[in-house]
Amino acid sequence: TSSHTRVGILNNPSSKIKEDNTAIARGILAAFLTQNNSNLKSFLSKLSKEETAKSLAAGTKIVKFLIPGMDGNTFEKKYNTLGLDLIKTHQMFCHEVLKLLPGQMAVISNGR
């Protein structure tokens, strides 16, 4: 309801973190780091579709899902260099600080 809303995502995977099972998580993180808000929203909507997940699991490259207006070169460079350590850090924060079980989801709000 407000243009001043902020969204953040923490990854809390339930399985062992590997390159082949983190395509969506790395895509989301790369998009957050490289894209403007309007492109980010559209891209995240596209990534959240089940058929996108199935296609990525089958080996489709994530760049096939970029939307018009995205800075594809910057996104691809960040996506390809984004290590798994960031996702592991998210996972550790979820377990140690938020006390979530592996794979457990939560919504955290900090508003007025």
PDB file of N, CA and C in Angstrom:
ATOM      1  N   THR A   1       0.816  -1.207   0.000  1.00  0.00           N
ATOM      2  CA  THR A   1       0.000   0.000   0.000  1.00  0.00           C
ATOM      3  C   THR A   1       0.850   1.258   0.000  1.00  0.00           C
ATOM      4  N   SER A   2       2.155   1.117   0.046  1.00  0.00           N
ATOM      5  CA  SER A   2       3.024   2.275   0.110  1.00  0.00           C
ATOM      6  C   SER A   2       4.217   2.094  -0.817  1.00  0.00           C
ATOM      7  N   SER A   3       4.633   3.190  -1.412  1.00  0.00           N
ATOM      8  CA  SER A   3       5.832   3.121  -2.255  1.00  0.00           C
ATOM      9  C   SER A   3       7.098   3.085  -1.417  1.00  0.00           C
ATOM     10  N   HIS A   4       6.952   3.171  -0.112  1.00  0.00           N
ATOM     11  CA  HIS A   4       8.103   3.179   0.792  1.00  0.00           C
ATOM     12  C   HIS A   4       8.305   1.833   1.484  1.00  0.00           C
ATOM     13  N   THR A   5       7.665   0.814   0.977  1.00  0.00           N
ATOM     14  CA  THR A   5       7.798  -0.523   1.546  1.00  0.00           C
ATOM     15  C   THR A   5       9.103  -1.140   1.098  1.00  0.00           C
ATOM     16  N   ARG A   6       9.757  -1.814   2.008  1.00  0.00           N
ATOM     17  CA  ARG A   6      10.995  -2.512   1.678  1.00  0.00           C
ATOM     18  C   ARG A   6      10.774  -4.000   1.822  1.00  0.00           C
ATOM     19  N   VAL A   7      11.381  -4.741   0.920  1.00  0.00           N
ATOM     20  CA  VAL A   7      11.283  -6.194   0.955  1.00  0.00           C
ATOM     21  C   VAL A   7      12.700  -6.754   0.971  1.00  0.00           C
ATOM     22  N   GLY A   8      12.904  -7.739   1.789  1.00  0.00           N
ATOM     23  CA  GLY A   8      14.179  -8.442   1.820  1.00  0.00           C
ATOM     24  C   GLY A   8      13.905  -9.932   1.866  1.00  0.00           C
ATOM     25  N   ILE A   9      14.874 -10.703   1.479  1.00  0.00           N
ATOM     26  CA  ILE A   9      14.696 -12.151   1.461  1.00  0.00           C
ATOM     27  C   ILE A   9      15.894 -12.802   2.132  1.00  0.00           C
ATOM     28  N   LEU A  10      15.609 -13.751   3.003  1.00  0.00           N
ATOM     29  CA  LEU A  10      16.640 -14.601   3.599  1.00  0.00           C
ATOM     30  C   LEU A  10      16.387 -16.018   3.117  1.00  0.00           C
ATOM     31  N   ASN A  11      17.421 -16.682   2.705  1.00  0.00           N
ATOM     32  CA  ASN A  11      17.300 -18.061   2.246  1.00  0.00           C
ATOM     33  C   ASN A  11      17.494 -19.007   3.416  1.00  0.00           C
ATOM     34  N   ASN A  12      16.598 -19.969   3.552  1.00  0.00           N
ATOM     35  CA  ASN A  12      16.667 -20.973   4.598  1.00  0.00           C
ATOM     36  C   ASN A  12      16.430 -22.349   3.969  1.00  0.00           C
ATOM     37  N   PRO A  13      17.387 -22.810   3.166  1.00  0.00           N
ATOM     38  CA  PRO A  13      17.183 -24.071   2.452  1.00  0.00           C
ATOM     39  C   PRO A  13      17.147 -25.264   3.395  1.00  0.00           C
ATOM     40  N   SER A  14      16.435 -26.297   2.956  1.00  0.00           N
ATOM     41  CA  SER A  14      16.340 -27.523   3.752  1.00  0.00           C
ATOM     42  C   SER A  14      17.321 -28.577   3.275  1.00  0.00           C
ATOM     43  N   SER A  15      17.917 -28.361   2.112  1.00  0.00           N
ATOM     44  CA  SER A  15      18.858 -29.345   1.569  1.00  0.00           C
ATOM     45  C   SER A  15      20.262 -28.750   1.517  1.00  0.00           C
ATOM     46  N   LYS A  16      21.218 -29.591   1.190  1.00  0.00           N
ATOM     47  CA  LYS A  16      22.609 -29.152   1.075  1.00  0.00           C
ATOM     48  C   LYS A  16      22.710 -28.092  -0.022  1.00  0.00           C
ATOM     49  N   ILE A  17      23.416 -27.018   0.261  1.00  0.00           N
ATOM     50  CA  ILE A  17      23.538 -25.900  -0.667  1.00  0.00           C
ATOM     51  C   ILE A  17      24.589 -26.227  -1.727  1.00  0.00           C
ATOM     52  N   LYS A  18      24.113 -26.268  -2.993  1.00  0.00           N
ATOM     53  CA  LYS A  18      24.993 -26.536  -4.128  1.00  0.00           C
ATOM     54  C   LYS A  18      24.606 -25.587  -5.258  1.00  0.00           C
ATOM     55  N   GLU A  19      25.489 -25.428  -6.219  1.00  0.00           N
ATOM     56  CA  GLU A  19      25.200 -24.529  -7.346  1.00  0.00           C
ATOM     57  C   GLU A  19      23.952 -24.948  -8.099  1.00  0.00           C
ATOM     58  N   ASP A  20      23.759 -26.254  -8.292  1.00  0.00           N
ATOM     59  CA  ASP A  20      22.638 -26.708  -9.123  1.00  0.00           C
ATOM     60  C   ASP A  20      21.281 -26.615  -8.436  1.00  0.00           C
ATOM     61  N   ASN A  21      21.239 -26.425  -7.123  1.00  0.00           N
ATOM     62  CA  ASN A  21      19.934 -26.298  -6.466  1.00  0.00           C
ATOM     63  C   ASN A  21      19.705 -24.905  -5.874  1.00  0.00           C
ATOM     64  N   THR A  22      20.519 -23.941  -6.291  1.00  0.00           N
ATOM     65  CA  THR A  22      20.361 -22.575  -5.775  1.00  0.00           C
ATOM     66  C   THR A  22      20.159 -21.544  -6.881  1.00  0.00           C
ATOM     67  N   ALA A  23      19.772 -21.987  -8.063  1.00  0.00           N
ATOM     68  CA  ALA A  23      19.631 -21.062  -9.194  1.00  0.00           C
ATOM     69  C   ALA A  23      18.638 -19.947  -8.886  1.00  0.00           C
ATOM     70  N   ILE A  24      17.504 -20.286  -8.329  1.00  0.00           N
ATOM     71  CA  ILE A  24      16.495 -19.253  -8.042  1.00  0.00           C
ATOM     72  C   ILE A  24      16.975 -18.336  -6.926  1.00  0.00           C
ATOM     73  N   ALA A  25      17.529 -18.892  -5.869  1.00  0.00           N
ATOM     74  CA  ALA A  25      18.024 -18.074  -4.761  1.00  0.00           C
ATOM     75  C   ALA A  25      19.118 -17.119  -5.237  1.00  0.00           C
ATOM     76  N   ARG A  26      20.052 -17.622  -6.040  1.00  0.00           N
ATOM     77  CA  ARG A  26      21.114 -16.762  -6.562  1.00  0.00           C
ATOM     78  C   ARG A  26      20.561 -15.736  -7.542  1.00  0.00           C
ATOM     79  N   GLY A  27      19.541 -16.115  -8.321  1.00  0.00           N
ATOM     80  CA  GLY A  27      18.901 -15.174  -9.235  1.00  0.00           C
ATOM     81  C   GLY A  27      18.221 -14.040  -8.498  1.00  0.00           C
ATOM     82  N   ILE A  28      17.548 -14.380  -7.412  1.00  0.00           N
ATOM     83  CA  ILE A  28      16.879 -13.354  -6.596  1.00  0.00           C
ATOM     84  C   ILE A  28      17.911 -12.411  -5.996  1.00  0.00           C
ATOM     85  N   LEU A  29      18.961 -12.963  -5.413  1.00  0.00           N
ATOM     86  CA  LEU A  29      19.996 -12.130  -4.801  1.00  0.00           C
ATOM     87  C   LEU A  29      20.678 -11.249  -5.839  1.00  0.00           C
ATOM     88  N   ALA A  30      21.009 -11.812  -6.991  1.00  0.00           N
ATOM     89  CA  ALA A  30      21.656 -11.033  -8.052  1.00  0.00           C
ATOM     90  C   ALA A  30      20.739  -9.911  -8.536  1.00  0.00           C
ATOM     91  N   ALA A  31      19.452 -10.192  -8.647  1.00  0.00           N
ATOM     92  CA  ALA A  31      18.501  -9.171  -9.085  1.00  0.00           C
ATOM     93  C   ALA A  31      18.382  -8.056  -8.046  1.00  0.00           C
ATOM     94  N   PHE A  32      18.316  -8.409  -6.771  1.00  0.00           N
ATOM     95  CA  PHE A  32      18.251  -7.400  -5.710  1.00  0.00           C
ATOM     96  C   PHE A  32      19.473  -6.484  -5.772  1.00  0.00           C
ATOM     97  N   LEU A  33      20.616  -7.042  -6.110  1.00  0.00           N
ATOM     98  CA  LEU A  33      21.859  -6.272  -6.107  1.00  0.00           C
ATOM     99  C   LEU A  33      22.096  -5.466  -7.375  1.00  0.00           C
ATOM    100  N   THR A  34      21.387  -5.775  -8.460  1.00  0.00           N
ATOM    101  CA  THR A  34      21.722  -5.134  -9.738  1.00  0.00           C
ATOM    102  C   THR A  34      20.580  -4.417 -10.447  1.00  0.00           C
ATOM    103  N   GLN A  35      19.353  -4.609 -10.051  1.00  0.00           N
ATOM    104  CA  GLN A  35      18.231  -4.087 -10.844  1.00  0.00           C
ATOM    105  C   GLN A  35      17.459  -2.996 -10.108  1.00  0.00           C
ATOM    106  N   ASN A  36      16.748  -2.170 -10.884  1.00  0.00           N
ATOM    107  CA  ASN A  36      15.895  -1.161 -10.263  1.00  0.00           C
ATOM    108  C   ASN A  36      14.583  -1.808  -9.803  1.00  0.00           C
ATOM    109  N   ASN A  37      13.824  -1.090  -9.016  1.00  0.00           N
ATOM    110  CA  ASN A  37      12.639  -1.669  -8.366  1.00  0.00           C
ATOM    111  C   ASN A  37      11.599  -2.216  -9.330  1.00  0.00           C
ATOM    112  N   SER A  38      11.303  -1.495 -10.419  1.00  0.00           N
ATOM    113  CA  SER A  38      10.246  -1.973 -11.318  1.00  0.00           C
ATOM    114  C   SER A  38      10.677  -3.256 -12.025  1.00  0.00           C
ATOM    115  N   ASN A  39      11.926  -3.321 -12.470  1.00  0.00           N
ATOM    116  CA  ASN A  39      12.407  -4.545 -13.106  1.00  0.00           C
ATOM    117  C   ASN A  39      12.518  -5.679 -12.094  1.00  0.00           C
ATOM    118  N   LEU A  40      12.919  -5.351 -10.899  1.00  0.00           N
ATOM    119  CA  LEU A  40      13.060  -6.357  -9.842  1.00  0.00           C
ATOM    120  C   LEU A  40      11.728  -7.028  -9.558  1.00  0.00           C
ATOM    121  N   LYS A  41      10.689  -6.249  -9.416  1.00  0.00           N
ATOM    122  CA  LYS A  41       9.363  -6.797  -9.118  1.00  0.00           C
ATOM    123  C   LYS A  41       8.895  -7.745 -10.217  1.00  0.00           C
ATOM    124  N   SER A  42       9.044  -7.333 -11.457  1.00  0.00           N
ATOM    125  CA  SER A  42       8.612  -8.176 -12.576  1.00  0.00           C
ATOM    126  C   SER A  42       9.435  -9.453 -12.667  1.00  0.00           C
ATOM    127  N   PHE A  43      10.741  -9.330 -12.472  1.00  0.00           N
ATOM    128  CA  PHE A  43      11.614 -10.500 -12.551  1.00  0.00           C
ATOM    129  C   PHE A  43      11.317 -11.479 -11.420  1.00  0.00           C
ATOM    130  N   LEU A  44      11.105 -10.972 -10.207  1.00  0.00           N
ATOM    131  CA  LEU A  44      10.787 -11.857  -9.083  1.00  0.00           C
ATOM    132  C   LEU A  44       9.463 -12.577  -9.305  1.00  0.00           C
ATOM    133  N   SER A  45       8.499 -11.900  -9.909  1.00  0.00           N
ATOM    134  CA  SER A  45       7.225 -12.553 -10.232  1.00  0.00           C
ATOM    135  C   SER A  45       7.447 -13.691 -11.208  1.00  0.00           C
ATOM    136  N   LYS A  46       8.319 -13.479 -12.184  1.00  0.00           N
ATOM    137  CA  LYS A  46       8.614 -14.510 -13.165  1.00  0.00           C
ATOM    138  C   LYS A  46       9.355 -15.686 -12.526  1.00  0.00           C
ATOM    139  N   LEU A  47      10.314 -15.390 -11.638  1.00  0.00           N
ATOM    140  CA  LEU A  47      11.073 -16.453 -10.973  1.00  0.00           C
ATOM    141  C   LEU A  47      10.215 -17.282 -10.022  1.00  0.00           C
ATOM    142  N   SER A  48       9.159 -16.704  -9.513  1.00  0.00           N
ATOM    143  CA  SER A  48       8.342 -17.404  -8.519  1.00  0.00           C
ATOM    144  C   SER A  48       7.357 -18.398  -9.136  1.00  0.00           C
ATOM    145  N   LYS A  49       7.300 -18.467 -10.438  1.00  0.00           N
ATOM    146  CA  LYS A  49       6.392 -19.405 -11.098  1.00  0.00           C
ATOM    147  C   LYS A  49       6.976 -20.823 -11.086  1.00  0.00           C
ATOM    148  N   GLU A  50       6.108 -21.789 -10.885  1.00  0.00           N
ATOM    149  CA  GLU A  50       6.537 -23.182 -10.805  1.00  0.00           C
ATOM    150  C   GLU A  50       7.186 -23.658 -12.106  1.00  0.00           C
ATOM    151  N   GLU A  51       6.645 -23.217 -13.241  1.00  0.00           N
ATOM    152  CA  GLU A  51       7.228 -23.650 -14.510  1.00  0.00           C
ATOM    153  C   GLU A  51       8.648 -23.105 -14.696  1.00  0.00           C
ATOM    154  N   THR A  52       8.941 -21.947 -14.122  1.00  0.00           N
ATOM    155  CA  THR A  52      10.298 -21.404 -14.169  1.00  0.00           C
ATOM    156  C   THR A  52      11.238 -22.296 -13.373  1.00  0.00           C
ATOM    157  N   ALA A  53      10.808 -22.692 -12.175  1.00  0.00           N
ATOM    158  CA  ALA A  53      11.629 -23.571 -11.343  1.00  0.00           C
ATOM    159  C   ALA A  53      11.898 -24.901 -12.046  1.00  0.00           C
ATOM    160  N   LYS A  54      10.887 -25.456 -12.663  1.00  0.00           N
ATOM    161  CA  LYS A  54      11.052 -26.724 -13.376  1.00  0.00           C
ATOM    162  C   LYS A  54      12.019 -26.566 -14.546  1.00  0.00           C
ATOM    163  N   SER A  55      11.894 -25.463 -15.256  1.00  0.00           N
ATOM    164  CA  SER A  55      12.755 -25.214 -16.402  1.00  0.00           C
ATOM    165  C   SER A  55      14.213 -25.036 -15.967  1.00  0.00           C
ATOM    166  N   LEU A  56      14.433 -24.305 -14.886  1.00  0.00           N
ATOM    167  CA  LEU A  56      15.795 -24.125 -14.372  1.00  0.00           C
ATOM    168  C   LEU A  56      16.374 -25.454 -13.896  1.00  0.00           C
ATOM    169  N   ALA A  57      15.554 -26.266 -13.244  1.00  0.00           N
ATOM    170  CA  ALA A  57      16.013 -27.581 -12.779  1.00  0.00           C
ATOM    171  C   ALA A  57      16.369 -28.488 -13.951  1.00  0.00           C
ATOM    172  N   ALA A  58      15.720 -28.271 -15.082  1.00  0.00           N
ATOM    173  CA  ALA A  58      15.989 -29.076 -16.275  1.00  0.00           C
ATOM    174  C   ALA A  58      17.211 -28.579 -17.046  1.00  0.00           C
ATOM    175  N   GLY A  59      17.792 -27.456 -16.591  1.00  0.00           N
ATOM    176  CA  GLY A  59      19.025 -26.992 -17.210  1.00  0.00           C
ATOM    177  C   GLY A  59      18.938 -25.701 -18.002  1.00  0.00           C
ATOM    178  N   THR A  60      17.763 -25.083 -18.065  1.00  0.00           N
ATOM    179  CA  THR A  60      17.646 -23.805 -18.763  1.00  0.00           C
ATOM    180  C   THR A  60      18.458 -22.751 -18.021  1.00  0.00           C
ATOM    181  N   LYS A  61      19.176 -21.934 -18.765  1.00  0.00           N
ATOM    182  CA  LYS A  61      19.972 -20.857 -18.164  1.00  0.00           C
ATOM    183  C   LYS A  61      19.048 -19.749 -17.680  1.00  0.00           C
ATOM    184  N   ILE A  62      19.389 -19.158 -16.551  1.00  0.00           N
ATOM    185  CA  ILE A  62      18.538 -18.137 -15.939  1.00  0.00           C
ATOM    186  C   ILE A  62      18.401 -16.898 -16.821  1.00  0.00           C
ATOM    187  N   VAL A  63      19.376 -16.623 -17.670  1.00  0.00           N
ATOM    188  CA  VAL A  63      19.289 -15.443 -18.534  1.00  0.00           C
ATOM    189  C   VAL A  63      18.118 -15.525 -19.508  1.00  0.00           C
ATOM    190  N   LYS A  64      17.587 -16.713 -19.745  1.00  0.00           N
ATOM    191  CA  LYS A  64      16.405 -16.873 -20.602  1.00  0.00           C
ATOM    192  C   LYS A  64      15.170 -16.218 -19.988  1.00  0.00           C
ATOM    193  N   PHE A  65      15.216 -15.965 -18.657  1.00  0.00           N
ATOM    194  CA  PHE A  65      14.054 -15.428 -17.960  1.00  0.00           C
ATOM    195  C   PHE A  65      14.158 -13.932 -17.684  1.00  0.00           C
ATOM    196  N   LEU A  66      15.226 -13.301 -18.161  1.00  0.00           N
ATOM    197  CA  LEU A  66      15.360 -11.862 -17.963  1.00  0.00           C
ATOM    198  C   LEU A  66      14.228 -11.149 -18.679  1.00  0.00           C
ATOM    199  N   ILE A  67      13.787 -10.043 -18.114  1.00  0.00           N
ATOM    200  CA  ILE A  67      12.693  -9.286 -18.713  1.00  0.00           C
ATOM    201  C   ILE A  67      13.249  -8.065 -19.431  1.00  0.00           C
ATOM    202  N   PRO A  68      12.512  -7.548 -20.408  1.00  0.00           N
ATOM    203  CA  PRO A  68      12.967  -6.343 -21.111  1.00  0.00           C
ATOM    204  C   PRO A  68      13.201  -5.196 -20.125  1.00  0.00           C
ATOM    205  N   GLY A  69      14.291  -4.495 -20.313  1.00  0.00           N
ATOM    206  CA  GLY A  69      14.623  -3.372 -19.439  1.00  0.00           C
ATOM    207  C   GLY A  69      15.645  -3.719 -18.376  1.00  0.00           C
ATOM    208  N   MET A  70      15.836  -5.023 -18.117  1.00  0.00           N
ATOM    209  CA  MET A  70      16.834  -5.422 -17.128  1.00  0.00           C
ATOM    210  C   MET A  70      18.229  -5.206 -17.697  1.00  0.00           C
ATOM    211  N   ASP A  71      19.164  -4.880 -16.838  1.00  0.00           N
ATOM    212  CA  ASP A  71      20.565  -4.801 -17.227  1.00  0.00           C
ATOM    213  C   ASP A  71      21.116  -6.221 -17.195  1.00  0.00           C
ATOM    214  N   GLY A  72      20.985  -6.912 -18.311  1.00  0.00           N
ATOM    215  CA  GLY A  72      21.333  -8.323 -18.391  1.00  0.00           C
ATOM    216  C   GLY A  72      22.799  -8.609 -18.139  1.00  0.00           C
ATOM    217  N   ASN A  73      23.692  -7.752 -18.650  1.00  0.00           N
ATOM    218  CA  ASN A  73      25.118  -7.987 -18.458  1.00  0.00           C
ATOM    219  C   ASN A  73      25.514  -7.893 -16.989  1.00  0.00           C
ATOM    220  N   THR A  74      25.024  -6.860 -16.315  1.00  0.00           N
ATOM    221  CA  THR A  74      25.334  -6.685 -14.895  1.00  0.00           C
ATOM    222  C   THR A  74      24.735  -7.822 -14.080  1.00  0.00           C
ATOM    223  N   PHE A  75      23.491  -8.188 -14.403  1.00  0.00           N
ATOM    224  CA  PHE A  75      22.849  -9.293 -13.693  1.00  0.00           C
ATOM    225  C   PHE A  75      23.641 -10.580 -13.874  1.00  0.00           C
ATOM    226  N   GLU A  76      23.975 -10.909 -15.114  1.00  0.00           N
ATOM    227  CA  GLU A  76      24.661 -12.170 -15.398  1.00  0.00           C
ATOM    228  C   GLU A  76      26.026 -12.232 -14.714  1.00  0.00           C
ATOM    229  N   LYS A  77      26.745 -11.118 -14.719  1.00  0.00           N
ATOM    230  CA  LYS A  77      28.055 -11.088 -14.062  1.00  0.00           C
ATOM    231  C   LYS A  77      27.907 -11.343 -12.562  1.00  0.00           C
ATOM    232  N   LYS A  78      26.937 -10.678 -11.924  1.00  0.00           N
ATOM    233  CA  LYS A  78      26.712 -10.873 -10.481  1.00  0.00           C
ATOM    234  C   LYS A  78      26.239 -12.294 -10.202  1.00  0.00           C
ATOM    235  N   TYR A  79      25.336 -12.804 -11.005  1.00  0.00           N
ATOM    236  CA  TYR A  79      24.813 -14.161 -10.832  1.00  0.00           C
ATOM    237  C   TYR A  79      25.939 -15.193 -10.909  1.00  0.00           C
ATOM    238  N   ASN A  80      26.821 -15.026 -11.882  1.00  0.00           N
ATOM    239  CA  ASN A  80      27.902 -15.989 -12.080  1.00  0.00           C
ATOM    240  C   ASN A  80      29.011 -15.897 -11.042  1.00  0.00           C
ATOM    241  N   THR A  81      29.123 -14.766 -10.372  1.00  0.00           N
ATOM    242  CA  THR A  81      30.181 -14.598  -9.372  1.00  0.00           C
ATOM    243  C   THR A  81      29.665 -14.674  -7.939  1.00  0.00           C
ATOM    244  N   LEU A  82      28.361 -14.773  -7.782  1.00  0.00           N
ATOM    245  CA  LEU A  82      27.761 -14.847  -6.452  1.00  0.00           C
ATOM    246  C   LEU A  82      28.035 -16.225  -5.872  1.00  0.00           C
ATOM    247  N   GLY A  83      28.836 -16.275  -4.852  1.00  0.00           N
ATOM    248  CA  GLY A  83      29.182 -17.557  -4.251  1.00  0.00           C
ATOM    249  C   GLY A  83      28.070 -18.098  -3.382  1.00  0.00           C
ATOM    250  N   LEU A  84      28.255 -19.298  -2.948  1.00  0.00           N
ATOM    251  CA  LEU A  84      27.267 -19.956  -2.084  1.00  0.00           C
ATOM    252  C   LEU A  84      27.402 -19.525  -0.635  1.00  0.00           C
ATOM    253  N   ASP A  85      28.488 -18.826  -0.302  1.00  0.00           N
ATOM    254  CA  ASP A  85      28.709 -18.400   1.081  1.00  0.00           C
ATOM    255  C   ASP A  85      27.601 -17.491   1.588  1.00  0.00           C
ATOM    256  N   LEU A  86      27.076 -16.629   0.730  1.00  0.00           N
ATOM    257  CA  LEU A  86      26.003 -15.727   1.147  1.00  0.00           C
ATOM    258  C   LEU A  86      24.750 -16.516   1.526  1.00  0.00           C
ATOM    259  N   ILE A  87      24.426 -17.517   0.751  1.00  0.00           N
ATOM    260  CA  ILE A  87      23.256 -18.350   1.064  1.00  0.00           C
ATOM    261  C   ILE A  87      23.510 -19.134   2.352  1.00  0.00           C
ATOM    262  N   LYS A  88      24.718 -19.607   2.544  1.00  0.00           N
ATOM    263  CA  LYS A  88      25.062 -20.316   3.782  1.00  0.00           C
ATOM    264  C   LYS A  88      24.967 -19.384   4.987  1.00  0.00           C
ATOM    265  N   THR A  89      25.354 -18.130   4.800  1.00  0.00           N
ATOM    266  CA  THR A  89      25.236 -17.139   5.876  1.00  0.00           C
ATOM    267  C   THR A  89      23.770 -16.898   6.209  1.00  0.00           C
ATOM    268  N   HIS A  90      22.932 -16.780   5.186  1.00  0.00           N
ATOM    269  CA  HIS A  90      21.485 -16.637   5.410  1.00  0.00           C
ATOM    270  C   HIS A  90      20.959 -17.826   6.217  1.00  0.00           C
ATOM    271  N   GLN A  91      21.360 -19.014   5.792  1.00  0.00           N
ATOM    272  CA  GLN A  91      20.904 -20.234   6.451  1.00  0.00           C
ATOM    273  C   GLN A  91      21.313 -20.241   7.926  1.00  0.00           C
ATOM    274  N   MET A  92      22.549 -19.874   8.192  1.00  0.00           N
ATOM    275  CA  MET A  92      23.040 -19.850   9.566  1.00  0.00           C
ATOM    276  C   MET A  92      22.274 -18.817  10.400  1.00  0.00           C
ATOM    277  N   PHE A  93      22.008 -17.639   9.830  1.00  0.00           N
ATOM    278  CA  PHE A  93      21.238 -16.608  10.533  1.00  0.00           C
ATOM    279  C   PHE A  93      19.839 -17.125  10.865  1.00  0.00           C
ATOM    280  N   CYS A  94      19.202 -17.781   9.893  1.00  0.00           N
ATOM    281  CA  CYS A  94      17.857 -18.325  10.120  1.00  0.00           C
ATOM    282  C   CYS A  94      17.857 -19.350  11.247  1.00  0.00           C
ATOM    283  N   HIS A  95      18.881 -20.177  11.313  1.00  0.00           N
ATOM    284  CA  HIS A  95      18.937 -21.230  12.333  1.00  0.00           C
ATOM    285  C   HIS A  95      19.339 -20.674  13.689  1.00  0.00           C
ATOM    286  N   GLU A  96      20.419 -19.884  13.716  1.00  0.00           N
ATOM    287  CA  GLU A  96      20.996 -19.431  14.982  1.00  0.00           C
ATOM    288  C   GLU A  96      20.237 -18.276  15.621  1.00  0.00           C
ATOM    289  N   VAL A  97      19.817 -17.317  14.824  1.00  0.00           N
ATOM    290  CA  VAL A  97      19.188 -16.114  15.360  1.00  0.00           C
ATOM    291  C   VAL A  97      17.669 -16.212  15.367  1.00  0.00           C
ATOM    292  N   LEU A  98      17.095 -16.623  14.252  1.00  0.00           N
ATOM    293  CA  LEU A  98      15.637 -16.684  14.148  1.00  0.00           C
ATOM    294  C   LEU A  98      15.060 -17.994  14.672  1.00  0.00           C
ATOM    295  N   LYS A  99      15.940 -18.973  14.926  1.00  0.00           N
ATOM    296  CA  LYS A  99      15.541 -20.280  15.464  1.00  0.00           C
ATOM    297  C   LYS A  99      14.567 -21.015  14.555  1.00  0.00           C
ATOM    298  N   LEU A 100      14.771 -20.880  13.245  1.00  0.00           N
ATOM    299  CA  LEU A 100      13.942 -21.586  12.280  1.00  0.00           C
ATOM    300  C   LEU A 100      14.555 -22.953  11.994  1.00  0.00           C
ATOM    301  N   LEU A 101      13.708 -23.911  11.714  1.00  0.00           N
ATOM    302  CA  LEU A 101      14.171 -25.222  11.277  1.00  0.00           C
ATOM    303  C   LEU A 101      14.561 -25.136   9.807  1.00  0.00           C
ATOM    304  N   PRO A 102      15.406 -26.043   9.320  1.00  0.00           N
ATOM    305  CA  PRO A 102      15.767 -26.010   7.898  1.00  0.00           C
ATOM    306  C   PRO A 102      14.518 -26.033   7.010  1.00  0.00           C
ATOM    307  N   GLY A 103      14.443 -25.090   6.085  1.00  0.00           N
ATOM    308  CA  GLY A 103      13.320 -25.010   5.167  1.00  0.00           C
ATOM    309  C   GLY A 103      12.090 -24.301   5.715  1.00  0.00           C
ATOM    310  N   GLN A 104      12.074 -24.015   7.005  1.00  0.00           N
ATOM    311  CA  GLN A 104      10.908 -23.358   7.605  1.00  0.00           C
ATOM    312  C   GLN A 104      10.814 -21.920   7.107  1.00  0.00           C
ATOM    313  N   MET A 105       9.596 -21.472   6.807  1.00  0.00           N
ATOM    314  CA  MET A 105       9.367 -20.122   6.317  1.00  0.00           C
ATOM    315  C   MET A 105       8.853 -19.238   7.433  1.00  0.00           C
ATOM    316  N   ALA A 106       9.116 -17.951   7.301  1.00  0.00           N
ATOM    317  CA  ALA A 106       8.646 -16.970   8.277  1.00  0.00           C
ATOM    318  C   ALA A 106       8.519 -15.624   7.598  1.00  0.00           C
ATOM    319  N   VAL A 107       7.685 -14.774   8.141  1.00  0.00           N
ATOM    320  CA  VAL A 107       7.584 -13.399   7.710  1.00  0.00           C
ATOM    321  C   VAL A 107       7.998 -12.547   8.894  1.00  0.00           C
ATOM    322  N   ILE A 108       8.924 -11.655   8.658  1.00  0.00           N
ATOM    323  CA  ILE A 108       9.396 -10.775   9.724  1.00  0.00           C
ATOM    324  C   ILE A 108       9.032  -9.363   9.313  1.00  0.00           C
ATOM    325  N   SER A 109       8.423  -8.643  10.204  1.00  0.00           N
ATOM    326  CA  SER A 109       7.988  -7.287   9.907  1.00  0.00           C
ATOM    327  C   SER A 109       8.599  -6.320  10.906  1.00  0.00           C
ATOM    328  N   ASN A 110       9.009  -5.191  10.395  1.00  0.00           N
ATOM    329  CA  ASN A 110       9.551  -4.147  11.245  1.00  0.00           C
ATOM    330  C   ASN A 110       8.968  -2.848  10.722  1.00  0.00           C
ATOM    331  N   GLY A 111       7.788  -2.520  11.177  1.00  0.00           N
ATOM    332  CA  GLY A 111       7.117  -1.333  10.667  1.00  0.00           C
ATOM    333  C   GLY A 111       6.666  -0.410  11.765  1.00  0.00           C
ATOM    334  N   ARG A 112       6.066   0.672  11.349  1.00  0.00           N
ATOM    335  CA  ARG A 112       5.530   1.620  12.330  1.00  0.00           C
ATOM    336  C   ARG A 112       4.125   1.252  12.686  1.00  0.00           C
TER     337      ARG A 112
END
